[in-house]
Amino acid sequence: MNHSESLKSSIREEALRQGFFKMGIASARPLPRIESFRAWLEQGFHGTMSYMERQAPKRENPGLVLDNIRTILVLAMNYYSTAPPAIHPLKGRISRYARGSNYHDILMSRLKDLLDFIKSRVPSAQGLCYVDTGPVMEKTWAAETALGWMGKHTNLIARNHGSCFFLGVILLDLEIESDPQEKDYCGNCIRCMNACPTGAIIAPYVLDARRCISYLTIELRGPIPRSLRSSIGNRIFGCDDCQDVCPWNRFSITASEKGFKPREEYLAPELQDLIRITSRDFKKRFENSPILRATRNGFVRNVAVALGNSQSSEAVPALQTALCDQSPLVRSHAAWALGQIATEQAMDILLQVKSKESDPETLAEIALS
């Protein structure tokens, strides 16, 4: 075994020791399938995620991120848990990946340790680590390696592991032999496309983020389009439907990382309690959780939609409280929710509030109820 092969082997071994179940290696070059990425942006499928367009030059050319880049390491860490989603309409559903601690912190710590290991073998090595927040197309690069392939739902799939895992990336100025590319094993299956509640997977391998429940409940800062609200059900942070139906996830095993163990309070939280949550309590309750990404107002907006979808008269008092929220975003969605429930009490509450409300969005929702 020559020095290069020895280094490659030792990095893989250290990656496994750090808790990654697999590592892929790609040679740095202009972004593969660059035209598809550009078409995706041109069609506006990124929605309000303006950073995707702003960072496009760096995403298309990793050489703009790290000088003299030669290699891209993509590392996968399992987060799968068997905990079932909340079914009761007055309890919230939180995506499986967000039921534990903040994955950014856990993965970044392990990536930095792995980079330090590489530098201990090659002191002159320079590298950068990213977990979901840098100008790097992790899934695209991972699909260029032996790690896995891009599924039709645009999540990466790994044989014998499914798709319930996080990706981290290390950019290196070292030349390391790349992997052979994994084959695409989706075949004729379109279960993920059929399962999407909002029809966000508009074609195989093409996701219109503007329709995706994960985008709507996490990234979107404004109102959720009215036409999509009823399809969200009781999902208050993310969605797993496309992954839940994927046949490859029959190979998923429970994650060994303690930080990804589901917190009991995240499994089936009471919606009527969550809609009353203050900014201070939101930060405290979801400390060290990916859920903070949604912001307090965005999260409570989601809860209001879920309560409206419950169509339960039990939700009316909580929604009445939300109509007095300081956030117009919350008030407008609470008004919509009361209109969905449409009991005599709910409609009376909307009429009482109408003369006191000044927010145009909220008034519009009351008028449409």
Protein backbone atom coordinates (compact mmCIF):
# COMPACT_ATOMS: atom_id res chain seq x y z
CA MET A 1 0.00 0.00 0.00
CA ASN A 2 1.48 3.36 -1.06
CA HIS A 3 1.31 6.53 1.04
CA SER A 4 -1.81 7.88 -0.71
CA GLU A 5 -3.73 4.64 -0.24
CA SER A 6 -2.58 4.43 3.38
CA LEU A 7 -3.81 7.98 4.06
CA LYS A 8 -7.15 7.26 2.42
CA SER A 9 -7.59 4.09 4.46
CA SER A 10 -6.66 5.77 7.73
CA ILE A 11 -9.10 8.65 7.08
CA ARG A 12 -11.92 6.18 6.47
CA GLU A 13 -11.10 4.34 9.70
CA GLU A 14 -11.03 7.57 11.67
CA ALA A 15 -14.34 8.67 10.11
CA LEU A 16 -15.96 5.46 11.33
CA ARG A 17 -14.49 6.02 14.77
CA GLN A 18 -16.01 9.51 14.80
CA GLY A 19 -19.47 8.03 14.25
CA PHE A 20 -19.88 8.43 10.48
CA PHE A 21 -21.16 5.24 8.88
CA LYS A 22 -19.66 6.02 5.48
CA MET A 23 -17.43 8.48 3.66
CA GLY A 24 -17.47 9.41 -0.01
CA ILE A 25 -14.57 10.96 -1.90
CA ALA A 26 -14.97 13.21 -4.95
CA SER A 27 -12.41 15.08 -7.02
CA ALA A 28 -13.01 18.81 -6.84
CA ARG A 29 -14.17 20.35 -10.11
CA PRO A 30 -17.07 22.48 -11.38
CA LEU A 31 -20.39 21.32 -9.95
CA PRO A 32 -21.76 18.18 -11.65
CA ARG A 33 -25.19 18.64 -13.27
CA ILE A 34 -24.65 22.39 -13.13
CA GLU A 35 -27.32 23.08 -15.75
CA SER A 36 -29.96 21.39 -13.61
CA PHE A 37 -29.00 23.58 -10.67
CA ARG A 38 -29.17 26.72 -12.79
CA ALA A 39 -32.55 25.74 -14.23
CA TRP A 40 -33.83 25.10 -10.69
CA LEU A 41 -32.83 28.61 -9.65
CA GLU A 42 -34.16 30.21 -12.84
CA GLN A 43 -37.57 28.66 -12.26
CA GLY A 44 -37.63 30.07 -8.75
CA PHE A 45 -37.94 26.66 -7.10
CA HIS A 46 -35.71 27.88 -4.24
CA GLY A 47 -38.46 30.24 -3.12
CA THR A 48 -37.30 32.83 -0.59
CA MET A 49 -34.00 31.05 0.03
CA SER A 50 -32.12 33.90 -1.64
CA TYR A 51 -28.80 32.63 -0.32
CA MET A 52 -28.98 29.80 -2.86
CA GLU A 53 -28.87 32.30 -5.72
CA ARG A 54 -26.47 34.66 -3.96
CA GLN A 55 -24.00 31.85 -3.32
CA ALA A 56 -24.47 30.26 -6.75
CA PRO A 57 -20.97 31.07 -8.06
CA LYS A 58 -19.36 29.36 -5.05
CA ARG A 59 -21.81 26.45 -5.17
CA GLU A 60 -20.93 25.95 -8.82
CA ASN A 61 -17.18 26.28 -8.28
CA PRO A 62 -15.74 24.93 -5.02
CA GLY A 63 -12.43 26.54 -5.97
CA LEU A 64 -13.99 29.84 -4.93
CA VAL A 65 -14.57 28.43 -1.44
CA LEU A 66 -11.11 26.94 -0.82
CA ASP A 67 -7.98 27.90 -2.72
CA ASN A 68 -6.17 25.01 -4.39
CA ILE A 69 -8.99 22.61 -3.55
CA ARG A 70 -8.36 19.07 -4.79
CA THR A 71 -10.76 16.79 -2.92
CA ILE A 72 -14.23 16.84 -1.38
CA LEU A 73 -14.96 14.41 1.44
CA VAL A 74 -18.65 13.78 2.14
CA LEU A 75 -19.51 12.06 5.40
CA ALA A 76 -22.80 10.51 6.51
CA MET A 77 -24.13 10.12 10.05
CA ASN A 78 -27.32 8.19 10.82
CA TYR A 79 -30.16 9.88 12.71
CA TYR A 80 -32.95 7.32 12.24
CA SER A 81 -35.31 6.55 15.12
CA THR A 82 -38.32 4.26 15.25
CA ALA A 83 -40.47 6.65 17.29
CA PRO A 84 -43.83 6.94 15.48
CA PRO A 85 -45.17 10.36 14.42
CA ALA A 86 -48.05 11.98 16.27
CA ILE A 87 -51.37 10.92 14.77
CA HIS A 88 -53.82 12.77 17.05
CA PRO A 89 -54.87 15.99 15.26
CA LEU A 90 -54.31 18.11 18.39
CA LYS A 91 -50.73 16.94 18.75
CA GLY A 92 -47.92 18.18 16.55
CA ARG A 93 -45.69 16.21 14.19
CA ILE A 94 -42.00 17.09 14.18
CA SER A 95 -39.71 15.68 11.52
CA ARG A 96 -37.61 12.75 12.68
CA TYR A 97 -34.30 14.55 12.16
CA ALA A 98 -35.30 17.38 14.53
CA ARG A 99 -36.40 15.30 17.51
CA GLY A 100 -32.95 15.27 19.08
CA SER A 101 -30.10 17.74 19.60
CA ASN A 102 -28.86 20.19 16.98
CA TYR A 103 -27.12 18.08 14.35
CA HIS A 104 -25.03 21.01 13.14
CA ASP A 105 -23.07 21.11 16.39
CA ILE A 106 -22.58 17.35 16.61
CA LEU A 107 -21.44 16.91 13.01
CA MET A 108 -19.25 20.01 12.95
CA SER A 109 -17.40 18.84 16.05
CA ARG A 110 -16.71 15.44 14.45
CA LEU A 111 -15.70 16.97 11.12
CA LYS A 112 -13.20 19.28 12.82
CA ASP A 113 -11.77 16.33 14.73
CA LEU A 114 -11.43 14.43 11.45
CA LEU A 115 -9.74 17.41 9.80
CA ASP A 116 -7.33 17.62 12.74
CA PHE A 117 -6.59 13.94 12.24
CA ILE A 118 -5.83 14.55 8.55
CA LYS A 119 -3.53 17.43 9.49
CA SER A 120 -1.73 15.21 11.96
CA ARG A 121 -0.89 12.95 9.01
CA VAL A 122 -0.23 15.78 6.54
CA PRO A 123 0.69 18.94 8.51
CA SER A 124 0.62 21.14 5.42
CA ALA A 125 -3.00 20.21 4.61
CA GLN A 126 -5.61 22.95 4.46
CA GLY A 127 -9.32 22.28 4.73
CA LEU A 128 -12.78 23.66 5.51
CA CYS A 129 -15.72 21.91 7.19
CA TYR A 130 -19.39 22.52 6.41
CA VAL A 131 -22.66 21.16 7.76
CA ASP A 132 -25.66 22.39 5.83
CA THR A 133 -24.78 26.08 6.18
CA GLY A 134 -22.00 26.76 3.67
CA PRO A 135 -21.96 27.36 -0.10
CA VAL A 136 -21.54 23.66 -0.86
CA MET A 137 -23.97 21.30 -2.60
CA GLU A 138 -23.49 18.36 -0.24
CA LYS A 139 -26.00 15.99 -1.84
CA THR A 140 -24.76 16.63 -5.36
CA TRP A 141 -21.18 15.86 -4.39
CA ALA A 142 -22.22 12.84 -2.33
CA ALA A 143 -24.01 11.43 -5.38
CA GLU A 144 -20.67 11.58 -7.23
CA THR A 145 -19.16 9.10 -4.77
CA ALA A 146 -19.76 5.60 -3.50
CA LEU A 147 -21.79 6.99 -0.60
CA GLY A 148 -25.14 6.88 -2.35
CA TRP A 149 -27.36 8.25 -5.08
CA MET A 150 -29.86 11.09 -5.35
CA GLY A 151 -33.38 9.77 -4.94
CA LYS A 152 -36.32 11.08 -6.90
CA HIS A 153 -37.33 13.02 -3.77
CA THR A 154 -33.88 14.75 -3.99
CA ASN A 155 -32.66 13.19 -0.74
CA LEU A 156 -29.54 11.06 -0.86
CA ILE A 157 -30.07 7.31 -0.50
CA ALA A 158 -27.41 4.87 0.68
CA ARG A 159 -27.76 1.15 0.19
CA ASN A 160 -28.16 -0.70 3.49
CA HIS A 161 -28.93 2.59 5.26
CA GLY A 162 -31.78 4.31 3.44
CA SER A 163 -31.98 8.12 3.49
CA CYS A 164 -32.27 9.09 7.17
CA PHE A 165 -28.84 10.53 7.69
CA PHE A 166 -27.05 13.86 7.86
CA LEU A 167 -24.25 14.95 5.55
CA GLY A 168 -21.11 16.86 6.41
CA VAL A 169 -18.38 18.00 4.03
CA ILE A 170 -14.64 18.58 4.29
CA LEU A 171 -12.96 20.50 1.47
CA LEU A 172 -9.26 19.65 1.14
CA ASP A 173 -6.28 20.86 -0.83
CA LEU A 174 -4.93 17.30 -0.80
CA GLU A 175 -5.14 14.97 -3.77
CA ILE A 176 -6.99 11.81 -2.66
CA GLU A 177 -8.18 9.19 -5.12
CA SER A 178 -11.92 9.54 -5.73
CA ASP A 179 -14.56 6.83 -5.41
CA PRO A 180 -16.40 5.10 -8.20
CA GLN A 181 -19.86 6.63 -8.43
CA GLU A 182 -22.76 4.71 -6.88
CA LYS A 183 -25.53 3.61 -9.25
CA ASP A 184 -29.08 4.96 -9.11
CA TYR A 185 -31.32 2.21 -7.75
CA CYS A 186 -34.64 4.06 -7.74
CA GLY A 187 -35.73 2.31 -10.91
CA ASN A 188 -39.36 2.92 -11.85
CA CYS A 189 -40.43 3.61 -8.26
CA ILE A 190 -42.31 6.88 -7.71
CA ARG A 191 -43.70 6.23 -4.23
CA CYS A 192 -42.10 9.41 -2.88
CA MET A 193 -43.70 11.51 -5.60
CA ASN A 194 -47.12 10.03 -4.94
CA ALA A 195 -46.79 10.42 -1.17
CA CYS A 196 -45.90 14.12 -1.11
CA PRO A 197 -48.91 15.87 0.49
CA THR A 198 -48.42 19.07 -1.51
CA GLY A 199 -47.10 17.70 -4.80
CA ALA A 200 -43.72 19.36 -4.28
CA ILE A 201 -41.81 16.69 -6.25
CA ILE A 202 -42.96 17.97 -9.61
CA ALA A 203 -40.81 15.55 -11.63
CA PRO A 204 -38.29 12.84 -10.78
CA TYR A 205 -35.31 14.52 -9.07
CA VAL A 206 -36.96 17.97 -9.19
CA LEU A 207 -38.29 19.56 -6.00
CA ASP A 208 -40.25 22.80 -6.01
CA ALA A 209 -39.28 23.96 -2.53
CA ARG A 210 -42.11 26.50 -2.52
CA ARG A 211 -44.55 23.60 -2.15
CA CYS A 212 -42.46 21.46 0.21
CA ILE A 213 -43.77 21.27 3.79
CA SER A 214 -40.23 21.35 5.16
CA TYR A 215 -39.66 24.66 3.38
CA LEU A 216 -43.06 26.03 4.33
CA THR A 217 -42.69 25.25 8.04
CA ILE A 218 -38.99 26.05 8.43
CA GLU A 219 -37.49 28.33 5.79
CA LEU A 220 -40.49 30.47 4.80
CA ARG A 221 -40.72 33.57 6.97
CA GLY A 222 -44.00 34.96 5.67
CA PRO A 223 -47.53 33.60 5.30
CA ILE A 224 -47.99 30.01 4.19
CA PRO A 225 -49.97 30.02 0.92
CA ARG A 226 -53.64 29.39 1.70
CA SER A 227 -53.92 26.72 -0.99
CA LEU A 228 -51.32 24.56 0.77
CA ARG A 229 -52.33 24.96 4.41
CA SER A 230 -54.88 22.16 4.56
CA SER A 231 -52.31 19.70 3.17
CA ILE A 232 -49.92 20.35 6.04
CA GLY A 233 -52.09 18.49 8.55
CA ASN A 234 -50.54 18.48 12.03
CA ARG A 235 -46.96 18.91 10.80
CA ILE A 236 -45.37 21.81 12.66
CA PHE A 237 -41.71 21.36 11.71
CA GLY A 238 -40.70 19.51 8.58
CA CYS A 239 -42.13 16.43 6.90
CA ASP A 240 -40.97 12.83 6.46
CA ASP A 241 -43.60 11.47 4.10
CA CYS A 242 -41.38 11.03 1.04
CA GLN A 243 -38.80 9.16 3.12
CA ASP A 244 -41.33 7.10 5.07
CA VAL A 245 -42.60 5.45 1.89
CA CYS A 246 -39.16 4.84 0.35
CA PRO A 247 -38.48 1.08 0.10
CA TRP A 248 -34.79 1.66 0.82
CA ASN A 249 -35.59 2.87 4.32
CA ARG A 250 -36.46 -0.67 5.31
CA PHE A 251 -32.71 -0.94 5.85
CA SER A 252 -32.66 1.94 8.34
CA ILE A 253 -31.40 1.12 11.82
CA THR A 254 -31.75 3.14 15.01
CA ALA A 255 -28.98 5.73 15.37
CA SER A 256 -26.34 5.02 17.99
CA GLU A 257 -25.48 8.70 18.48
CA LYS A 258 -26.96 9.70 21.85
CA GLY A 259 -27.51 13.28 20.70
CA PHE A 260 -30.00 12.08 18.07
CA LYS A 261 -32.15 10.14 20.52
CA PRO A 262 -35.65 11.65 20.36
CA ARG A 263 -36.61 13.89 23.25
CA GLU A 264 -39.89 12.79 24.76
CA GLU A 265 -41.37 16.29 24.62
CA TYR A 266 -40.79 16.46 20.86
CA LEU A 267 -42.69 13.29 19.95
CA ALA A 268 -46.30 14.43 20.30
CA PRO A 269 -46.44 17.96 21.76
CA GLU A 270 -49.79 19.49 22.63
CA LEU A 271 -50.64 22.09 19.99
CA GLN A 272 -52.84 24.08 22.36
CA ASP A 273 -49.86 24.58 24.65
CA LEU A 274 -47.42 25.43 21.87
CA ILE A 275 -49.54 28.18 20.35
CA ARG A 276 -49.24 30.11 23.61
CA ILE A 277 -45.45 29.84 23.78
CA THR A 278 -43.53 33.09 24.33
CA SER A 279 -40.28 33.99 22.62
CA ARG A 280 -38.38 33.35 25.84
CA ASP A 281 -40.01 29.96 26.41
CA PHE A 282 -39.51 29.02 22.74
CA LYS A 283 -35.76 29.56 23.06
CA LYS A 284 -35.66 27.68 26.35
CA ARG A 285 -37.80 24.73 25.25
CA PHE A 286 -35.97 24.25 21.96
CA GLU A 287 -32.48 25.09 23.14
CA ASN A 288 -29.87 23.17 21.14
CA SER A 289 -32.53 22.03 18.68
CA PRO A 290 -32.86 22.53 14.91
CA ILE A 291 -36.39 23.79 15.63
CA LEU A 292 -34.98 27.21 16.53
CA ARG A 293 -34.43 27.67 12.80
CA ALA A 294 -38.16 28.26 12.30
CA THR A 295 -38.15 31.27 14.70
CA ARG A 296 -40.83 31.68 17.35
CA ASN A 297 -43.32 33.47 15.12
CA GLY A 298 -42.86 31.03 12.24
CA PHE A 299 -43.26 28.06 14.57
CA VAL A 300 -46.43 29.40 16.20
CA ARG A 301 -47.76 30.17 12.71
CA ASN A 302 -47.29 26.47 11.93
CA VAL A 303 -49.07 25.48 15.12
CA ALA A 304 -52.02 27.70 14.22
CA VAL A 305 -52.32 26.00 10.83
CA ALA A 306 -52.19 22.57 12.47
CA LEU A 307 -54.94 23.57 14.93
CA GLY A 308 -57.07 24.78 12.04
CA ASN A 309 -56.56 21.49 10.26
CA SER A 310 -57.73 19.62 13.35
CA GLN A 311 -61.17 21.21 12.82
CA SER A 312 -61.70 20.59 16.53
CA SER A 313 -63.82 22.89 18.68
CA GLU A 314 -61.35 22.16 21.49
CA ALA A 315 -58.80 24.32 19.66
CA VAL A 316 -60.97 27.46 19.65
CA PRO A 317 -59.88 28.92 23.05
CA ALA A 318 -56.19 28.54 22.17
CA LEU A 319 -56.72 30.16 18.79
CA GLN A 320 -58.66 33.00 20.42
CA THR A 321 -55.56 33.67 22.53
CA ALA A 322 -53.41 33.62 19.37
CA LEU A 323 -55.63 36.32 17.84
CA CYS A 324 -54.14 38.66 20.46
CA ASP A 325 -50.54 37.68 19.66
CA GLN A 326 -48.16 40.56 19.01
CA SER A 327 -47.12 38.96 15.72
CA PRO A 328 -49.40 39.77 12.73
CA LEU A 329 -48.15 36.56 11.12
CA VAL A 330 -49.51 34.51 14.00
CA ARG A 331 -52.78 36.46 14.17
CA SER A 332 -53.52 36.03 10.46
CA HIS A 333 -52.99 32.26 10.60
CA ALA A 334 -55.03 32.00 13.79
CA ALA A 335 -57.87 33.79 11.98
CA TRP A 336 -57.61 31.31 9.11
CA ALA A 337 -57.64 28.42 11.56
CA LEU A 338 -60.79 29.66 13.29
CA GLY A 339 -62.40 29.97 9.88
CA GLN A 340 -61.53 26.34 9.18
CA ILE A 341 -63.12 25.19 12.42
CA ALA A 342 -66.11 27.46 11.72
CA THR A 343 -68.16 26.69 14.82
CA GLU A 344 -70.56 29.37 16.02
CA GLN A 345 -68.10 30.27 18.78
CA ALA A 346 -65.21 30.51 16.32
CA MET A 347 -67.10 32.80 13.97
CA ASP A 348 -68.28 35.03 16.82
CA ILE A 349 -64.68 35.46 17.97
CA LEU A 350 -63.63 36.54 14.47
CA LEU A 351 -66.43 39.11 14.33
CA GLN A 352 -65.47 40.51 17.73
CA VAL A 353 -61.83 40.89 16.72
CA LYS A 354 -62.55 42.46 13.33
CA SER A 355 -63.21 45.97 14.69
CA LYS A 356 -59.99 45.97 16.73
CA GLU A 357 -57.60 44.46 14.18
CA SER A 358 -55.37 46.70 12.05
CA ASP A 359 -53.25 44.14 10.18
CA PRO A 360 -54.39 43.84 6.53
CA GLU A 361 -53.49 40.12 6.28
CA THR A 362 -55.46 39.27 9.39
CA LEU A 363 -58.46 41.33 8.25
CA ALA A 364 -58.32 39.58 4.87
CA GLU A 365 -58.39 36.18 6.57
CA ILE A 366 -61.38 37.22 8.67
CA ALA A 367 -63.19 38.43 5.55
CA LEU A 368 -62.55 35.11 3.79
CA SER A 369 -63.77 33.03 6.73
